[in-house]
C-alpha atoms as a PDB file:
ATOM      1  CA  MET A   1     -38.430 -42.189 -40.460  1.00  0.00           C
ATOM      2  CA  ASN A   2     -34.692 -41.692 -40.791  1.00  0.00           C
ATOM      3  CA  PHE A   3     -32.301 -44.337 -42.056  1.00  0.00           C
ATOM      4  CA  SER A   4     -28.508 -44.447 -41.995  1.00  0.00           C
ATOM      5  CA  ASN A   5     -25.770 -46.299 -43.844  1.00  0.00           C
ATOM      6  CA  LYS A   6     -27.998 -48.556 -45.936  1.00  0.00           C
ATOM      7  CA  LYS A   7     -26.939 -50.376 -49.075  1.00  0.00           C
ATOM      8  CA  VAL A   8     -28.837 -49.671 -52.320  1.00  0.00           C
ATOM      9  CA  VAL A   9     -29.870 -53.106 -53.589  1.00  0.00           C
ATOM     10  CA  ARG A  10     -31.857 -52.190 -56.728  1.00  0.00           C
ATOM     11  CA  THR A  11     -33.198 -49.174 -58.603  1.00  0.00           C
ATOM     12  CA  TYR A  12     -36.074 -48.747 -61.030  1.00  0.00           C
ATOM     13  CA  ALA A  13     -37.452 -45.939 -63.184  1.00  0.00           C
ATOM     14  CA  SER A  14     -40.068 -45.780 -65.916  1.00  0.00           C
ATOM     15  CA  PRO A  15     -40.467 -43.218 -68.711  1.00  0.00           C
ATOM     16  CA  HIS A  16     -43.307 -41.589 -66.768  1.00  0.00           C
ATOM     17  CA  SER A  17     -42.580 -38.269 -65.083  1.00  0.00           C
ATOM     18  CA  LYS A  18     -41.189 -38.549 -61.544  1.00  0.00           C
ATOM     19  CA  ASN A  19     -41.522 -42.350 -61.345  1.00  0.00           C
ATOM     20  CA  ALA A  20     -38.281 -43.578 -59.782  1.00  0.00           C
ATOM     21  CA  TRP A  21     -37.776 -46.138 -57.013  1.00  0.00           C
ATOM     22  CA  GLY A  22     -35.007 -47.560 -54.892  1.00  0.00           C
ATOM     23  CA  TYR A  23     -34.779 -50.837 -52.987  1.00  0.00           C
ATOM     24  CA  ILE A  24     -32.950 -49.964 -49.782  1.00  0.00           C
ATOM     25  CA  GLU A  25     -31.404 -52.662 -47.590  1.00  0.00           C
ATOM     26  CA  THR A  26     -33.789 -53.754 -44.768  1.00  0.00           C
ATOM     27  CA  ILE A  27     -36.366 -51.138 -45.868  1.00  0.00           C
ATOM     28  CA  GLY A  28     -37.539 -52.405 -49.261  1.00  0.00           C
ATOM     29  CA  TRP A  29     -38.878 -50.545 -52.279  1.00  0.00           C
ATOM     30  CA  ARG A  30     -39.539 -46.844 -51.754  1.00  0.00           C
ATOM     31  CA  LYS A  31     -40.615 -44.261 -54.307  1.00  0.00           C
ATOM     32  CA  LEU A  32     -38.583 -41.073 -54.547  1.00  0.00           C
ATOM     33  CA  GLY A  33     -40.376 -37.945 -53.269  1.00  0.00           C
ATOM     34  CA  GLN A  34     -42.424 -35.991 -55.769  1.00  0.00           C
ATOM     35  CA  LEU A  35     -41.453 -32.381 -54.984  1.00  0.00           C
ATOM     36  CA  SER A  36     -39.793 -31.651 -58.343  1.00  0.00           C
ATOM     37  CA  THR A  37     -38.729 -33.442 -61.506  1.00  0.00           C
ATOM     38  CA  ASP A  38     -35.097 -32.397 -60.988  1.00  0.00           C
ATOM     39  CA  GLY A  39     -35.196 -33.572 -57.373  1.00  0.00           C
ATOM     40  CA  VAL A  40     -36.378 -37.045 -58.385  1.00  0.00           C
ATOM     41  CA  THR A  41     -33.739 -37.211 -61.117  1.00  0.00           C
ATOM     42  CA  ASN A  42     -30.954 -36.118 -58.764  1.00  0.00           C
ATOM     43  CA  MET A  43     -31.906 -38.630 -56.061  1.00  0.00           C
ATOM     44  CA  PHE A  44     -32.164 -41.401 -58.671  1.00  0.00           C
ATOM     45  CA  ILE A  45     -28.667 -40.550 -59.902  1.00  0.00           C
ATOM     46  CA  MET A  46     -27.439 -40.687 -56.291  1.00  0.00           C
ATOM     47  CA  LEU A  47     -29.017 -44.107 -55.748  1.00  0.00           C
ATOM     48  CA  ASN A  48     -27.366 -45.470 -58.886  1.00  0.00           C
ATOM     49  CA  ALA A  49     -23.992 -43.939 -58.005  1.00  0.00           C
ATOM     50  CA  ALA A  50     -24.160 -45.492 -54.534  1.00  0.00           C
ATOM     51  CA  LYS A  51     -25.145 -48.874 -55.954  1.00  0.00           C
ATOM     52  CA  GLY A  52     -22.400 -48.783 -58.572  1.00  0.00           C
ATOM     53  CA  SER A  53     -19.656 -47.752 -56.159  1.00  0.00           C
ATOM     54  CA  GLY A  54     -20.758 -49.826 -53.169  1.00  0.00           C
ATOM     55  CA  LYS A  55     -21.349 -46.755 -50.983  1.00  0.00           C
ATOM     56  CA  THR A  56     -24.159 -46.592 -48.458  1.00  0.00           C
ATOM     57  CA  VAL A  57     -26.855 -43.938 -48.286  1.00  0.00           C
ATOM     58  CA  SER A  58     -28.741 -42.218 -45.503  1.00  0.00           C
ATOM     59  CA  GLY A  59     -31.941 -40.227 -45.656  1.00  0.00           C
ATOM     60  CA  THR A  60     -35.529 -39.644 -44.622  1.00  0.00           C
ATOM     61  CA  ILE A  61     -38.782 -41.384 -45.525  1.00  0.00           C
ATOM     62  CA  ASP A  62     -41.966 -39.345 -45.077  1.00  0.00           C
ATOM     63  CA  ALA A  63     -45.416 -40.399 -43.863  1.00  0.00           C
ATOM     64  CA  SER A  64     -46.415 -41.495 -47.382  1.00  0.00           C
ATOM     65  CA  ASN A  65     -43.375 -43.874 -47.496  1.00  0.00           C
ATOM     66  CA  GLN A  66     -41.473 -41.804 -50.056  1.00  0.00           C
ATOM     67  CA  ILE A  67     -37.781 -40.947 -49.826  1.00  0.00           C
ATOM     68  CA  THR A  68     -37.637 -37.171 -49.359  1.00  0.00           C
ATOM     69  CA  LEU A  69     -33.992 -36.684 -48.364  1.00  0.00           C
ATOM     70  CA  LEU A  70     -30.969 -38.642 -49.515  1.00  0.00           C
ATOM     71  CA  TYR A  71     -27.234 -38.276 -48.924  1.00  0.00           C
ATOM     72  CA  PHE A  72     -24.000 -40.341 -48.887  1.00  0.00           C
END
């Protein structure tokens, strides 16, 4: 599923490896894809930057309901 121009409402991360989440407007909570530790960290930073600056994000959610692609 693709989504476009959605507001980041909330973010969450725990100290566990690759456990980061974003609450995306009209979509709800979605876990960030688990391909690599750096990938999860980078997407989490993007979510927080978008939330802090009021920008919207677009991306892709895979069949397991995880965000696998994210961009401004």
